[in-house]
């Protein structure tokens, strides 16, 4: 029962719209800190999920985060400054690029967590 609660917590934490938050921080504050926070938090969540030997929260959480981020990015599509800020990419193209790029550190951390857990 405890493992189910941990998995639900991980999915809920993953459901935060990380890509939208990062892009919005970049747009409003001209700061790349949002991307760094996204990579660190999602990697940490991937580590804990792998450490508890369950990859399903990682998959479900990334899907939920992507859907929620895409929804908010689509809501910003009427803003002309938003559309031209991420040149040469459109906001939707940057969303796909950052989402795919975000999977790499998660994969690396999952491999490290798996090796760390095997030693125990």
N, C-alpha and C. Protein backbone atom coordinates (compact mmCIF):
# COMPACT_ATOMS: atom_id res chain seq x y z
N UNK A 1 0.82 -1.19 0.00
CA UNK A 1 0.00 0.00 0.00
C UNK A 1 0.87 1.26 0.00
N UNK A 2 1.99 1.19 0.72
CA UNK A 2 2.89 2.33 0.78
C UNK A 2 3.48 2.63 -0.60
N UNK A 3 3.78 1.58 -1.35
CA UNK A 3 4.36 1.75 -2.67
C UNK A 3 3.38 2.43 -3.62
N UNK A 4 2.09 2.11 -3.50
CA UNK A 4 1.08 2.75 -4.34
C UNK A 4 1.00 4.23 -4.00
N UNK A 5 1.05 4.57 -2.74
CA UNK A 5 1.02 5.97 -2.33
C UNK A 5 2.20 6.75 -2.84
N UNK A 6 3.37 6.15 -2.81
CA UNK A 6 4.58 6.80 -3.33
C UNK A 6 4.45 7.02 -4.84
N UNK A 7 3.95 6.00 -5.54
CA UNK A 7 3.78 6.13 -6.99
C UNK A 7 2.77 7.22 -7.34
N UNK A 8 1.68 7.31 -6.60
CA UNK A 8 0.69 8.37 -6.85
C UNK A 8 1.31 9.73 -6.57
N UNK A 9 2.08 9.85 -5.51
CA UNK A 9 2.75 11.11 -5.21
C UNK A 9 3.71 11.51 -6.33
N UNK A 10 4.47 10.56 -6.84
CA UNK A 10 5.41 10.85 -7.93
C UNK A 10 4.66 11.31 -9.18
N UNK A 11 3.56 10.65 -9.52
CA UNK A 11 2.78 11.06 -10.69
C UNK A 11 2.20 12.46 -10.48
N UNK A 12 1.72 12.74 -9.29
CA UNK A 12 1.18 14.07 -9.01
C UNK A 12 2.26 15.15 -9.12
N UNK A 13 3.45 14.87 -8.60
CA UNK A 13 4.54 15.84 -8.71
C UNK A 13 5.00 16.01 -10.15
N UNK A 14 4.99 14.93 -10.90
CA UNK A 14 5.36 14.99 -12.32
C UNK A 14 4.33 15.78 -13.13
N UNK A 15 3.09 15.83 -12.68
CA UNK A 15 2.02 16.46 -13.45
C UNK A 15 2.13 17.97 -13.52
N UNK A 16 3.07 18.55 -12.83
CA UNK A 16 3.32 19.98 -12.93
C UNK A 16 3.76 20.28 -14.36
N UNK A 17 3.27 21.37 -14.97
CA UNK A 17 3.66 21.68 -16.36
C UNK A 17 5.07 22.26 -16.45
N UNK A 18 6.06 21.40 -16.34
CA UNK A 18 7.45 21.84 -16.27
C UNK A 18 7.91 22.60 -17.51
N UNK A 19 7.55 22.13 -18.69
CA UNK A 19 8.02 22.78 -19.92
C UNK A 19 7.39 24.17 -20.05
N UNK A 20 6.10 24.26 -19.79
CA UNK A 20 5.44 25.57 -19.84
C UNK A 20 6.06 26.53 -18.82
N UNK A 21 6.26 26.05 -17.59
CA UNK A 21 6.86 26.88 -16.54
C UNK A 21 8.23 27.38 -16.98
N UNK A 22 9.02 26.51 -17.57
CA UNK A 22 10.37 26.90 -18.02
C UNK A 22 10.31 27.94 -19.13
N UNK A 23 9.43 27.70 -20.09
CA UNK A 23 9.29 28.65 -21.19
C UNK A 23 8.74 29.98 -20.70
N UNK A 24 7.81 29.95 -19.77
CA UNK A 24 7.23 31.18 -19.24
C UNK A 24 8.27 31.97 -18.45
N UNK A 25 9.11 31.28 -17.68
CA UNK A 25 10.19 31.97 -16.95
C UNK A 25 11.17 32.60 -17.93
N UNK A 26 11.46 31.90 -19.01
CA UNK A 26 12.35 32.43 -20.04
C UNK A 26 11.72 33.66 -20.69
N UNK A 27 10.44 33.59 -20.97
CA UNK A 27 9.73 34.68 -21.64
C UNK A 27 9.59 35.91 -20.75
N UNK A 28 9.22 35.72 -19.49
CA UNK A 28 8.94 36.88 -18.63
C UNK A 28 10.18 37.45 -17.95
N UNK A 29 11.12 36.58 -17.57
CA UNK A 29 12.28 37.04 -16.81
C UNK A 29 13.59 36.92 -17.56
N UNK A 30 13.53 36.44 -18.80
CA UNK A 30 14.74 36.22 -19.61
C UNK A 30 15.74 35.37 -18.84
N UNK A 31 15.23 34.34 -18.18
CA UNK A 31 16.05 33.51 -17.31
C UNK A 31 15.96 32.05 -17.73
N UNK A 32 17.09 31.38 -17.75
CA UNK A 32 17.14 29.96 -18.09
C UNK A 32 17.02 29.08 -16.84
N UNK A 33 16.82 29.68 -15.69
CA UNK A 33 16.73 28.94 -14.43
C UNK A 33 15.56 27.95 -14.47
N UNK A 34 14.48 28.31 -15.12
CA UNK A 34 13.32 27.42 -15.21
C UNK A 34 13.67 26.09 -15.87
N UNK A 35 14.51 26.13 -16.90
CA UNK A 35 14.92 24.89 -17.57
C UNK A 35 15.79 24.05 -16.63
N UNK A 36 16.66 24.69 -15.89
CA UNK A 36 17.51 23.98 -14.94
C UNK A 36 16.67 23.32 -13.85
N UNK A 37 15.71 24.05 -13.32
CA UNK A 37 14.82 23.50 -12.30
C UNK A 37 14.06 22.30 -12.86
N UNK A 38 13.58 22.42 -14.09
CA UNK A 38 12.85 21.32 -14.72
C UNK A 38 13.73 20.08 -14.82
N UNK A 39 14.95 20.23 -15.31
CA UNK A 39 15.84 19.08 -15.45
C UNK A 39 16.17 18.45 -14.09
N UNK A 40 16.40 19.29 -13.08
CA UNK A 40 16.75 18.76 -11.76
C UNK A 40 15.57 18.04 -11.10
N UNK A 41 14.40 18.66 -11.12
CA UNK A 41 13.24 18.07 -10.45
C UNK A 41 12.79 16.78 -11.14
N UNK A 42 12.72 16.80 -12.46
CA UNK A 42 12.28 15.58 -13.15
C UNK A 42 13.32 14.47 -13.02
N UNK A 43 14.59 14.82 -12.98
CA UNK A 43 15.62 13.80 -12.78
C UNK A 43 15.53 13.21 -11.38
N UNK A 44 15.27 14.05 -10.40
CA UNK A 44 15.12 13.57 -9.03
C UNK A 44 13.90 12.65 -8.89
N UNK A 45 12.81 13.03 -9.52
CA UNK A 45 11.62 12.18 -9.50
C UNK A 45 11.87 10.85 -10.21
N UNK A 46 12.60 10.90 -11.32
CA UNK A 46 12.93 9.66 -12.03
C UNK A 46 13.82 8.77 -11.18
N UNK A 47 14.74 9.36 -10.44
CA UNK A 47 15.60 8.58 -9.56
C UNK A 47 14.78 7.84 -8.50
N UNK A 48 13.89 8.58 -7.83
CA UNK A 48 13.09 7.95 -6.78
C UNK A 48 12.15 6.89 -7.33
N UNK A 49 11.58 7.16 -8.49
CA UNK A 49 10.69 6.17 -9.09
C UNK A 49 11.45 4.90 -9.46
N UNK A 50 12.62 5.04 -10.01
CA UNK A 50 13.44 3.88 -10.37
C UNK A 50 13.96 3.19 -9.12
N UNK A 51 14.29 3.97 -8.11
CA UNK A 51 14.79 3.40 -6.86
C UNK A 51 13.72 2.51 -6.21
N UNK A 52 12.46 2.91 -6.35
CA UNK A 52 11.37 2.09 -5.83
C UNK A 52 10.88 1.06 -6.85
N UNK A 53 11.65 0.89 -7.92
CA UNK A 53 11.43 -0.14 -8.94
C UNK A 53 10.08 -0.06 -9.63
N UNK A 54 9.75 1.12 -10.10
CA UNK A 54 8.54 1.26 -10.87
C UNK A 54 8.70 2.40 -11.88
N UNK A 55 8.64 2.06 -13.15
CA UNK A 55 8.81 3.06 -14.21
C UNK A 55 7.48 3.63 -14.67
N UNK A 56 6.37 3.06 -14.26
CA UNK A 56 5.06 3.53 -14.71
C UNK A 56 4.81 4.98 -14.28
N UNK A 57 5.14 5.39 -13.05
CA UNK A 57 4.94 6.81 -12.70
C UNK A 57 5.74 7.77 -13.58
N UNK A 58 6.89 7.35 -14.04
CA UNK A 58 7.69 8.20 -14.92
C UNK A 58 6.96 8.41 -16.24
N UNK A 59 6.45 7.33 -16.79
CA UNK A 59 5.74 7.41 -18.08
C UNK A 59 4.46 8.23 -17.93
N UNK A 60 3.63 7.89 -16.94
CA UNK A 60 2.38 8.61 -16.74
C UNK A 60 2.62 10.08 -16.40
N UNK A 61 3.61 10.34 -15.57
CA UNK A 61 3.91 11.71 -15.18
C UNK A 61 4.40 12.56 -16.34
N UNK A 62 5.27 12.01 -17.18
CA UNK A 62 5.74 12.76 -18.34
C UNK A 62 4.60 13.04 -19.32
N UNK A 63 3.72 12.07 -19.50
CA UNK A 63 2.57 12.29 -20.38
C UNK A 63 1.66 13.37 -19.82
N UNK A 64 1.36 13.29 -18.53
CA UNK A 64 0.49 14.30 -17.90
C UNK A 64 1.12 15.68 -17.95
N UNK A 65 2.39 15.77 -17.65
CA UNK A 65 3.09 17.06 -17.70
C UNK A 65 3.09 17.63 -19.11
N UNK A 66 3.31 16.77 -20.09
CA UNK A 66 3.30 17.22 -21.48
C UNK A 66 1.94 17.74 -21.92
N UNK A 67 0.89 17.03 -21.55
CA UNK A 67 -0.46 17.46 -21.93
C UNK A 67 -0.81 18.79 -21.27
N UNK A 68 -0.52 18.92 -19.99
CA UNK A 68 -0.83 20.16 -19.28
C UNK A 68 0.01 21.32 -19.82
N UNK A 69 1.28 21.07 -20.08
CA UNK A 69 2.15 22.11 -20.65
C UNK A 69 1.66 22.53 -22.03
N UNK A 70 1.28 21.57 -22.86
CA UNK A 70 0.79 21.89 -24.19
C UNK A 70 -0.48 22.72 -24.12
N UNK A 71 -1.35 22.41 -23.17
CA UNK A 71 -2.58 23.18 -22.99
C UNK A 71 -2.25 24.64 -22.70
N UNK A 72 -1.36 24.89 -21.74
CA UNK A 72 -1.02 26.26 -21.38
C UNK A 72 -0.27 26.97 -22.49
N UNK A 73 0.58 26.26 -23.20
CA UNK A 73 1.30 26.88 -24.32
C UNK A 73 0.32 27.26 -25.43
N UNK A 74 -0.67 26.42 -25.66
CA UNK A 74 -1.69 26.73 -26.66
C UNK A 74 -2.51 27.95 -26.26
N UNK A 75 -2.77 28.13 -24.97
CA UNK A 75 -3.51 29.30 -24.49
C UNK A 75 -2.74 30.59 -24.74
N UNK A 76 -1.40 30.51 -24.77
CA UNK A 76 -0.57 31.69 -25.00
C UNK A 76 -0.40 32.00 -26.48
N UNK A 77 -0.98 31.18 -27.36
CA UNK A 77 -0.70 31.33 -28.79
C UNK A 77 -1.21 32.64 -29.38
N UNK A 78 -2.15 33.32 -28.74
CA UNK A 78 -2.63 34.59 -29.26
C UNK A 78 -1.68 35.75 -28.99
N UNK A 79 -0.74 35.57 -28.09
CA UNK A 79 0.20 36.61 -27.72
C UNK A 79 1.29 36.70 -28.77
N UNK A 80 1.34 37.82 -29.46
CA UNK A 80 2.30 37.98 -30.55
C UNK A 80 3.74 38.00 -30.06
N UNK A 81 3.99 38.58 -28.90
CA UNK A 81 5.34 38.59 -28.33
C UNK A 81 5.79 37.17 -28.00
N UNK A 82 4.87 36.37 -27.47
CA UNK A 82 5.16 34.96 -27.13
C UNK A 82 5.54 34.19 -28.39
N UNK A 83 4.80 34.42 -29.47
CA UNK A 83 5.05 33.71 -30.73
C UNK A 83 6.41 34.04 -31.32
N UNK A 84 6.87 35.27 -31.16
CA UNK A 84 8.13 35.68 -31.78
C UNK A 84 9.32 35.57 -30.83
N UNK A 85 9.11 35.28 -29.57
CA UNK A 85 10.19 35.27 -28.59
C UNK A 85 11.15 34.10 -28.79
N UNK A 86 10.64 32.95 -29.14
CA UNK A 86 11.45 31.73 -29.20
C UNK A 86 12.02 31.47 -30.60
N UNK A 87 12.22 32.50 -31.39
CA UNK A 87 12.76 32.35 -32.74
C UNK A 87 14.11 31.68 -32.70
N UNK A 88 14.46 30.84 -33.60
CA UNK A 88 13.84 30.46 -34.86
C UNK A 88 12.76 29.40 -34.73
N UNK A 89 12.50 28.92 -33.53
CA UNK A 89 11.46 27.91 -33.34
C UNK A 89 10.16 28.58 -32.91
N UNK A 90 9.07 27.92 -33.20
CA UNK A 90 7.78 28.36 -32.66
C UNK A 90 7.67 27.82 -31.24
N UNK A 91 6.77 28.36 -30.43
CA UNK A 91 6.62 27.81 -29.08
C UNK A 91 6.27 26.32 -29.07
N UNK A 92 5.47 25.87 -30.00
CA UNK A 92 5.12 24.44 -30.05
C UNK A 92 6.33 23.58 -30.42
N UNK A 93 7.16 24.06 -31.34
CA UNK A 93 8.36 23.33 -31.70
C UNK A 93 9.34 23.28 -30.53
N UNK A 94 9.47 24.39 -29.81
CA UNK A 94 10.34 24.41 -28.64
C UNK A 94 9.80 23.49 -27.56
N UNK A 95 8.49 23.43 -27.42
CA UNK A 95 7.87 22.51 -26.46
C UNK A 95 8.27 21.08 -26.75
N UNK A 96 8.17 20.66 -28.01
CA UNK A 96 8.54 19.29 -28.39
C UNK A 96 10.03 19.07 -28.16
N UNK A 97 10.86 20.03 -28.54
CA UNK A 97 12.30 19.90 -28.38
C UNK A 97 12.70 19.78 -26.91
N UNK A 98 12.18 20.65 -26.07
CA UNK A 98 12.52 20.63 -24.64
C UNK A 98 11.97 19.38 -23.97
N UNK A 99 10.78 18.96 -24.36
CA UNK A 99 10.20 17.74 -23.79
C UNK A 99 11.06 16.52 -24.11
N UNK A 100 11.53 16.42 -25.33
CA UNK A 100 12.40 15.30 -25.71
C UNK A 100 13.75 15.41 -25.02
N UNK A 101 14.27 16.63 -24.95
CA UNK A 101 15.56 16.84 -24.29
C UNK A 101 15.47 16.53 -22.80
N UNK A 102 14.33 16.76 -22.21
CA UNK A 102 14.13 16.49 -20.79
C UNK A 102 14.16 14.98 -20.49
N UNK A 103 13.89 14.16 -21.46
CA UNK A 103 13.90 12.71 -21.25
C UNK A 103 15.32 12.16 -21.09
N UNK A 104 16.31 12.82 -21.67
CA UNK A 104 17.69 12.33 -21.59
C UNK A 104 18.25 12.30 -20.17
N UNK A 105 18.18 13.39 -19.39
CA UNK A 105 18.69 13.30 -18.03
C UNK A 105 17.90 12.30 -17.18
N UNK A 106 16.61 12.17 -17.47
CA UNK A 106 15.81 11.20 -16.73
C UNK A 106 16.29 9.78 -17.01
N UNK A 107 16.60 9.50 -18.26
CA UNK A 107 17.10 8.18 -18.63
C UNK A 107 18.44 7.90 -17.96
N UNK A 108 19.31 8.87 -17.97
CA UNK A 108 20.63 8.71 -17.34
C UNK A 108 20.48 8.45 -15.84
N UNK A 109 19.62 9.22 -15.20
CA UNK A 109 19.40 9.05 -13.76
C UNK A 109 18.75 7.69 -13.47
N UNK A 110 17.87 7.24 -14.35
CA UNK A 110 17.25 5.93 -14.15
C UNK A 110 18.29 4.82 -14.21
N UNK A 111 19.23 4.93 -15.12
CA UNK A 111 20.30 3.93 -15.22
C UNK A 111 21.16 3.96 -13.96
N UNK A 112 21.49 5.15 -13.49
CA UNK A 112 22.30 5.27 -12.27
C UNK A 112 21.54 4.70 -11.08
N UNK A 113 20.26 5.00 -10.96
CA UNK A 113 19.46 4.50 -9.84
C UNK A 113 19.34 2.98 -9.89
N UNK A 114 19.21 2.44 -11.09
CA UNK A 114 19.11 0.99 -11.24
C UNK A 114 20.40 0.32 -10.78
N UNK A 115 21.54 0.87 -11.18
CA UNK A 115 22.83 0.32 -10.76
C UNK A 115 23.03 0.50 -9.26
N UNK A 116 22.60 1.64 -8.73
CA UNK A 116 22.72 1.88 -7.29
C UNK A 116 21.86 0.91 -6.49
N UNK A 117 20.66 0.64 -6.98
CA UNK A 117 19.75 -0.26 -6.28
C UNK A 117 20.25 -1.72 -6.38
N UNK A 118 20.86 -2.10 -7.49
CA UNK A 118 21.37 -3.46 -7.66
C UNK A 118 22.49 -3.76 -6.68
N UNK A 119 23.26 -2.74 -6.28
CA UNK A 119 24.36 -2.96 -5.34
C UNK A 119 23.85 -3.33 -3.95
N UNK A 120 22.63 -2.89 -3.63
CA UNK A 120 22.08 -3.19 -2.29
C UNK A 120 21.70 -4.61 -2.13
